[in-house]
């Protein structure tokens, strides 16, 4: 009885983890930009994404579309604007959009990240 219960619990745990992994197709780690480390957005390596970063006042700091050949499953943001200027320390809104086959973008991630200089 104990062995059957352990197998059942193990199976349920495995199903829960597989379900969680499938739901979390896009995630950020680490969520803090430092001088020597970017924020890394982990994405599906076969899809096109648009990454936007806004400051706490809603001003657009970064906006770029990434093709699969440009990101290979990991998109890095080093805390710079599109013009290459380093942003100030603070809290920033990170939004990731995924392009669907019809050419439209859908929001897949909306989270806060931090920049420490």
N, C-alpha and C. Protein backbone atom coordinates (compact mmCIF):
# COMPACT_ATOMS: atom_id res chain seq x y z
N UNK A 1 0.83 -1.20 0.00
CA UNK A 1 0.00 0.00 0.00
C UNK A 1 0.87 1.26 0.00
N UNK A 2 1.93 1.27 0.83
CA UNK A 2 2.80 2.43 0.91
C UNK A 2 3.53 2.65 -0.42
N UNK A 3 3.98 1.57 -1.05
CA UNK A 3 4.70 1.66 -2.33
C UNK A 3 3.78 2.22 -3.41
N UNK A 4 2.52 1.74 -3.46
CA UNK A 4 1.57 2.24 -4.44
C UNK A 4 1.29 3.72 -4.22
N UNK A 5 1.19 4.14 -2.96
CA UNK A 5 0.93 5.54 -2.64
C UNK A 5 2.11 6.42 -3.07
N UNK A 6 3.33 5.94 -2.86
CA UNK A 6 4.52 6.70 -3.27
C UNK A 6 4.56 6.84 -4.79
N UNK A 7 4.25 5.75 -5.51
CA UNK A 7 4.23 5.82 -6.97
C UNK A 7 3.17 6.80 -7.45
N UNK A 8 2.01 6.76 -6.83
CA UNK A 8 0.94 7.67 -7.21
C UNK A 8 1.35 9.12 -6.95
N UNK A 9 1.91 9.39 -5.79
CA UNK A 9 2.36 10.75 -5.47
C UNK A 9 3.46 11.19 -6.42
N UNK A 10 4.38 10.29 -6.73
CA UNK A 10 5.45 10.61 -7.69
C UNK A 10 4.89 10.94 -9.06
N UNK A 11 3.90 10.18 -9.50
CA UNK A 11 3.27 10.43 -10.80
C UNK A 11 2.54 11.77 -10.80
N UNK A 12 1.82 12.06 -9.74
CA UNK A 12 1.11 13.34 -9.65
C UNK A 12 2.08 14.51 -9.64
N UNK A 13 3.18 14.37 -8.93
CA UNK A 13 4.19 15.43 -8.89
C UNK A 13 4.78 15.65 -10.28
N UNK A 14 5.10 14.57 -10.98
CA UNK A 14 5.65 14.67 -12.33
C UNK A 14 4.66 15.36 -13.26
N UNK A 15 3.38 14.99 -13.20
CA UNK A 15 2.37 15.63 -14.04
C UNK A 15 2.24 17.11 -13.72
N UNK A 16 2.31 17.45 -12.44
CA UNK A 16 2.23 18.86 -12.04
C UNK A 16 3.41 19.64 -12.59
N UNK A 17 4.61 19.07 -12.52
CA UNK A 17 5.79 19.75 -13.03
C UNK A 17 5.75 19.91 -14.54
N UNK A 18 5.31 18.89 -15.25
CA UNK A 18 5.20 18.97 -16.70
C UNK A 18 4.17 20.02 -17.08
N UNK A 19 3.05 20.04 -16.40
CA UNK A 19 2.02 21.05 -16.66
C UNK A 19 2.52 22.44 -16.38
N UNK A 20 3.27 22.62 -15.31
CA UNK A 20 3.82 23.93 -14.95
C UNK A 20 4.82 24.37 -16.00
N UNK A 21 5.69 23.46 -16.43
CA UNK A 21 6.71 23.81 -17.43
C UNK A 21 6.05 24.21 -18.74
N UNK A 22 4.98 23.54 -19.11
CA UNK A 22 4.29 23.89 -20.34
C UNK A 22 3.63 25.26 -20.26
N UNK A 23 3.13 25.62 -19.09
CA UNK A 23 2.47 26.91 -18.91
C UNK A 23 3.49 28.05 -18.87
N UNK A 24 4.70 27.77 -18.41
CA UNK A 24 5.75 28.77 -18.29
C UNK A 24 6.65 28.73 -19.51
N UNK A 25 6.13 29.04 -20.70
CA UNK A 25 6.99 28.95 -21.87
C UNK A 25 7.93 30.13 -21.99
N UNK A 26 7.61 31.25 -21.36
CA UNK A 26 8.49 32.42 -21.35
C UNK A 26 8.73 32.82 -19.91
N UNK A 27 10.00 32.98 -19.54
CA UNK A 27 10.32 33.37 -18.17
C UNK A 27 11.61 34.17 -18.16
N UNK A 28 11.83 34.91 -17.07
CA UNK A 28 12.98 35.79 -16.94
C UNK A 28 13.85 35.34 -15.78
N UNK A 29 15.14 35.20 -16.03
CA UNK A 29 16.09 34.88 -14.97
C UNK A 29 17.49 35.21 -15.46
N UNK A 30 18.21 36.04 -14.80
CA UNK A 30 17.82 36.80 -13.62
C UNK A 30 16.96 38.00 -14.01
N UNK A 31 16.29 38.60 -13.06
CA UNK A 31 15.42 39.75 -13.33
C UNK A 31 16.07 41.06 -12.91
N UNK A 32 17.38 41.04 -12.76
CA UNK A 32 18.13 42.25 -12.36
C UNK A 32 19.28 42.45 -13.34
N UNK A 33 19.39 43.67 -13.90
CA UNK A 33 20.51 44.02 -14.76
C UNK A 33 21.61 44.60 -13.89
N UNK A 34 22.81 44.10 -14.06
CA UNK A 34 23.99 44.65 -13.39
C UNK A 34 25.01 44.98 -14.47
N UNK A 35 26.08 45.63 -14.10
CA UNK A 35 27.11 46.00 -15.08
C UNK A 35 27.64 44.77 -15.83
N UNK A 36 27.75 43.65 -15.15
CA UNK A 36 28.35 42.46 -15.75
C UNK A 36 27.34 41.36 -16.10
N UNK A 37 26.05 41.64 -15.98
CA UNK A 37 25.05 40.61 -16.23
C UNK A 37 23.74 41.22 -16.74
N UNK A 38 23.22 40.69 -17.85
CA UNK A 38 21.95 41.19 -18.38
C UNK A 38 20.75 40.48 -17.78
N UNK A 39 19.58 41.02 -18.07
CA UNK A 39 18.34 40.28 -17.85
C UNK A 39 18.24 39.32 -19.02
N UNK A 40 17.87 38.08 -18.75
CA UNK A 40 17.73 37.08 -19.81
C UNK A 40 16.28 36.61 -19.85
N UNK A 41 15.67 36.75 -21.02
CA UNK A 41 14.31 36.27 -21.23
C UNK A 41 14.42 34.95 -21.97
N UNK A 42 13.93 33.88 -21.36
CA UNK A 42 13.97 32.55 -21.96
C UNK A 42 12.69 32.34 -22.75
N UNK A 43 12.85 32.05 -24.05
CA UNK A 43 11.70 31.97 -24.96
C UNK A 43 11.80 30.71 -25.83
N UNK A 44 10.76 30.47 -26.59
CA UNK A 44 10.76 29.38 -27.57
C UNK A 44 11.72 29.76 -28.70
N UNK A 45 12.66 28.91 -29.00
CA UNK A 45 13.71 29.23 -29.98
C UNK A 45 13.22 29.29 -31.42
N UNK A 46 11.97 28.93 -31.67
CA UNK A 46 11.47 28.89 -33.05
C UNK A 46 10.56 30.06 -33.39
N UNK A 47 10.31 30.97 -32.45
CA UNK A 47 9.32 32.02 -32.67
C UNK A 47 9.95 33.41 -32.71
N UNK A 48 9.17 34.36 -33.23
CA UNK A 48 9.60 35.76 -33.30
C UNK A 48 9.01 36.50 -32.11
N UNK A 49 9.83 37.32 -31.44
CA UNK A 49 9.39 38.07 -30.27
C UNK A 49 9.71 39.55 -30.41
N UNK A 50 8.91 40.35 -29.75
CA UNK A 50 9.18 41.79 -29.62
C UNK A 50 9.33 42.06 -28.13
N UNK A 51 10.44 42.68 -27.76
CA UNK A 51 10.70 43.00 -26.36
C UNK A 51 10.66 44.51 -26.19
N UNK A 52 9.87 44.95 -25.21
CA UNK A 52 9.76 46.37 -24.90
C UNK A 52 10.06 46.56 -23.42
N UNK A 53 10.79 47.63 -23.12
CA UNK A 53 11.10 47.97 -21.74
C UNK A 53 10.70 49.42 -21.52
N UNK A 54 9.93 49.66 -20.46
CA UNK A 54 9.45 50.99 -20.12
C UNK A 54 9.99 51.39 -18.75
N UNK A 55 10.27 52.67 -18.56
CA UNK A 55 10.66 53.13 -17.23
C UNK A 55 9.40 53.26 -16.37
N UNK A 56 9.59 53.64 -15.12
CA UNK A 56 8.44 53.68 -14.18
C UNK A 56 7.43 54.77 -14.52
N UNK A 57 7.81 55.68 -15.44
CA UNK A 57 6.89 56.74 -15.86
C UNK A 57 6.16 56.40 -17.16
N UNK A 58 6.47 55.22 -17.72
CA UNK A 58 5.82 54.78 -18.94
C UNK A 58 6.56 55.15 -20.21
N UNK A 59 7.75 55.73 -20.08
CA UNK A 59 8.54 56.09 -21.26
C UNK A 59 9.22 54.85 -21.83
N UNK A 60 9.16 54.70 -23.14
CA UNK A 60 9.78 53.56 -23.80
C UNK A 60 11.29 53.70 -23.79
N UNK A 61 11.97 52.73 -23.20
CA UNK A 61 13.43 52.76 -23.13
C UNK A 61 14.05 51.84 -24.18
N UNK A 62 13.35 50.76 -24.52
CA UNK A 62 13.90 49.78 -25.44
C UNK A 62 12.75 49.10 -26.17
N UNK A 63 12.94 48.86 -27.47
CA UNK A 63 11.91 48.19 -28.28
C UNK A 63 12.61 47.51 -29.45
N UNK A 64 12.56 46.19 -29.49
CA UNK A 64 13.23 45.47 -30.57
C UNK A 64 12.52 44.16 -30.86
N UNK A 65 12.47 43.81 -32.14
CA UNK A 65 11.94 42.52 -32.57
C UNK A 65 13.11 41.56 -32.75
N UNK A 66 12.95 40.35 -32.25
CA UNK A 66 13.99 39.32 -32.33
C UNK A 66 13.51 38.14 -33.14
N UNK A 67 14.23 37.81 -34.20
CA UNK A 67 13.94 36.62 -35.00
C UNK A 67 14.63 35.43 -34.35
N UNK A 68 14.17 34.20 -34.65
CA UNK A 68 14.78 33.01 -34.03
C UNK A 68 16.30 32.94 -34.20
N UNK A 69 16.80 33.38 -35.34
CA UNK A 69 18.26 33.33 -35.55
C UNK A 69 19.01 34.34 -34.70
N UNK A 70 18.29 35.33 -34.17
CA UNK A 70 18.92 36.36 -33.34
C UNK A 70 18.91 36.02 -31.85
N UNK A 71 17.99 35.16 -31.43
CA UNK A 71 17.89 34.91 -29.99
C UNK A 71 18.19 33.48 -29.58
N UNK A 72 17.93 32.50 -30.42
CA UNK A 72 18.21 31.10 -30.14
C UNK A 72 17.70 30.65 -28.76
N UNK A 73 16.57 31.20 -28.34
CA UNK A 73 15.93 30.78 -27.10
C UNK A 73 16.24 31.65 -25.89
N UNK A 74 17.16 32.61 -26.04
CA UNK A 74 17.49 33.50 -24.91
C UNK A 74 17.69 34.92 -25.44
N UNK A 75 16.86 35.84 -24.95
CA UNK A 75 16.99 37.25 -25.34
C UNK A 75 17.62 37.99 -24.17
N UNK A 76 18.70 38.71 -24.44
CA UNK A 76 19.40 39.45 -23.38
C UNK A 76 19.11 40.94 -23.51
N UNK A 77 18.90 41.59 -22.37
CA UNK A 77 18.81 43.05 -22.34
C UNK A 77 19.83 43.54 -21.32
N UNK A 78 20.77 44.35 -21.79
CA UNK A 78 21.88 44.82 -20.97
C UNK A 78 21.61 46.17 -20.31
N UNK A 79 20.37 46.61 -20.29
CA UNK A 79 20.05 47.88 -19.63
C UNK A 79 20.40 49.09 -20.46
N UNK A 80 20.25 48.95 -21.77
CA UNK A 80 20.55 50.06 -22.67
C UNK A 80 19.32 50.40 -23.51
N UNK A 81 19.26 51.67 -23.93
CA UNK A 81 18.19 52.12 -24.82
C UNK A 81 18.49 51.63 -26.23
N UNK A 82 17.55 51.85 -27.14
CA UNK A 82 17.80 51.49 -28.54
C UNK A 82 19.00 52.25 -29.10
N UNK A 83 19.28 53.43 -28.56
CA UNK A 83 20.41 54.23 -29.01
C UNK A 83 21.73 53.86 -28.35
N UNK A 84 21.71 52.88 -27.43
CA UNK A 84 22.93 52.42 -26.80
C UNK A 84 23.28 53.11 -25.49
N UNK A 85 22.43 54.05 -25.02
CA UNK A 85 22.68 54.73 -23.76
C UNK A 85 22.25 53.84 -22.60
N UNK A 86 23.08 53.76 -21.56
CA UNK A 86 22.72 52.97 -20.37
C UNK A 86 21.59 53.68 -19.62
N UNK A 87 20.58 52.90 -19.23
CA UNK A 87 19.49 53.47 -18.45
C UNK A 87 19.93 53.64 -17.01
N UNK A 88 19.24 54.48 -16.28
CA UNK A 88 19.55 54.70 -14.86
C UNK A 88 19.11 53.51 -14.02
N UNK A 89 19.66 53.42 -12.83
CA UNK A 89 19.21 52.41 -11.87
C UNK A 89 17.73 52.64 -11.58
N UNK A 90 17.01 51.57 -11.37
CA UNK A 90 15.59 51.70 -11.05
C UNK A 90 14.80 50.49 -11.48
N UNK A 91 13.49 50.68 -11.44
CA UNK A 91 12.55 49.62 -11.77
C UNK A 91 12.02 49.85 -13.18
N UNK A 92 11.92 48.79 -13.97
CA UNK A 92 11.48 48.89 -15.35
C UNK A 92 10.45 47.81 -15.65
N UNK A 93 9.50 48.15 -16.53
CA UNK A 93 8.47 47.20 -16.96
C UNK A 93 8.96 46.50 -18.22
N UNK A 94 9.00 45.18 -18.17
CA UNK A 94 9.43 44.36 -19.31
C UNK A 94 8.20 43.69 -19.91
N UNK A 95 7.98 43.91 -21.20
CA UNK A 95 6.86 43.30 -21.89
C UNK A 95 7.40 42.50 -23.07
N UNK A 96 6.97 41.25 -23.17
CA UNK A 96 7.39 40.38 -24.28
C UNK A 96 6.15 40.00 -25.07
N UNK A 97 6.21 40.25 -26.38
CA UNK A 97 5.13 39.90 -27.29
C UNK A 97 5.62 38.80 -28.21
N UNK A 98 4.71 37.88 -28.55
CA UNK A 98 5.04 36.78 -29.46
C UNK A 98 4.25 36.95 -30.75
N UNK A 99 4.95 36.82 -31.88
CA UNK A 99 4.30 36.97 -33.18
C UNK A 99 3.62 35.67 -33.57
N UNK A 100 2.33 35.76 -33.93
CA UNK A 100 1.62 34.56 -34.35
C UNK A 100 1.74 34.38 -35.87
N UNK A 101 1.30 33.27 -36.43
CA UNK A 101 1.46 33.01 -37.86
C UNK A 101 0.80 34.06 -38.77
N UNK A 102 -0.23 34.74 -38.27
CA UNK A 102 -0.91 35.76 -39.10
C UNK A 102 -0.18 37.10 -39.07
N UNK A 103 0.89 37.20 -38.25
CA UNK A 103 1.68 38.43 -38.22
C UNK A 103 1.35 39.37 -37.08
N UNK A 104 0.39 39.00 -36.24
CA UNK A 104 0.02 39.83 -35.10
C UNK A 104 0.82 39.44 -33.86
N UNK A 105 1.05 40.41 -32.98
CA UNK A 105 1.76 40.14 -31.74
C UNK A 105 0.77 40.00 -30.59
N UNK A 106 1.02 39.04 -29.71
CA UNK A 106 0.21 38.83 -28.51
C UNK A 106 1.12 38.91 -27.29
N UNK A 107 0.63 39.55 -26.24
CA UNK A 107 1.42 39.70 -25.02
C UNK A 107 1.59 38.35 -24.35
N UNK A 108 2.84 38.00 -24.04
CA UNK A 108 3.14 36.73 -23.39
C UNK A 108 3.74 36.91 -22.01
N UNK A 109 4.35 38.07 -21.76
CA UNK A 109 4.97 38.31 -20.45
C UNK A 109 4.89 39.79 -20.15
N UNK A 110 4.53 40.11 -18.92
CA UNK A 110 4.45 41.50 -18.44
C UNK A 110 4.93 41.46 -16.99
N UNK A 111 6.16 41.94 -16.75
CA UNK A 111 6.74 41.84 -15.43
C UNK A 111 7.64 43.03 -15.14
N UNK A 112 8.02 43.17 -13.89
CA UNK A 112 8.96 44.22 -13.48
C UNK A 112 10.35 43.63 -13.35
N UNK A 113 11.34 44.42 -13.77
CA UNK A 113 12.74 44.06 -13.60
C UNK A 113 13.45 45.24 -12.96
N UNK A 114 14.67 45.02 -12.50
CA UNK A 114 15.44 46.08 -11.84
C UNK A 114 16.77 46.28 -12.54
N UNK A 115 17.26 47.51 -12.49
CA UNK A 115 18.59 47.84 -13.00
C UNK A 115 19.38 48.42 -11.85
N UNK A 116 20.54 47.85 -11.57
CA UNK A 116 21.44 48.37 -10.53
C UNK A 116 22.75 48.76 -11.20
N UNK A 117 23.13 50.01 -11.05
CA UNK A 117 24.40 50.50 -11.61
C UNK A 117 25.36 50.81 -10.49
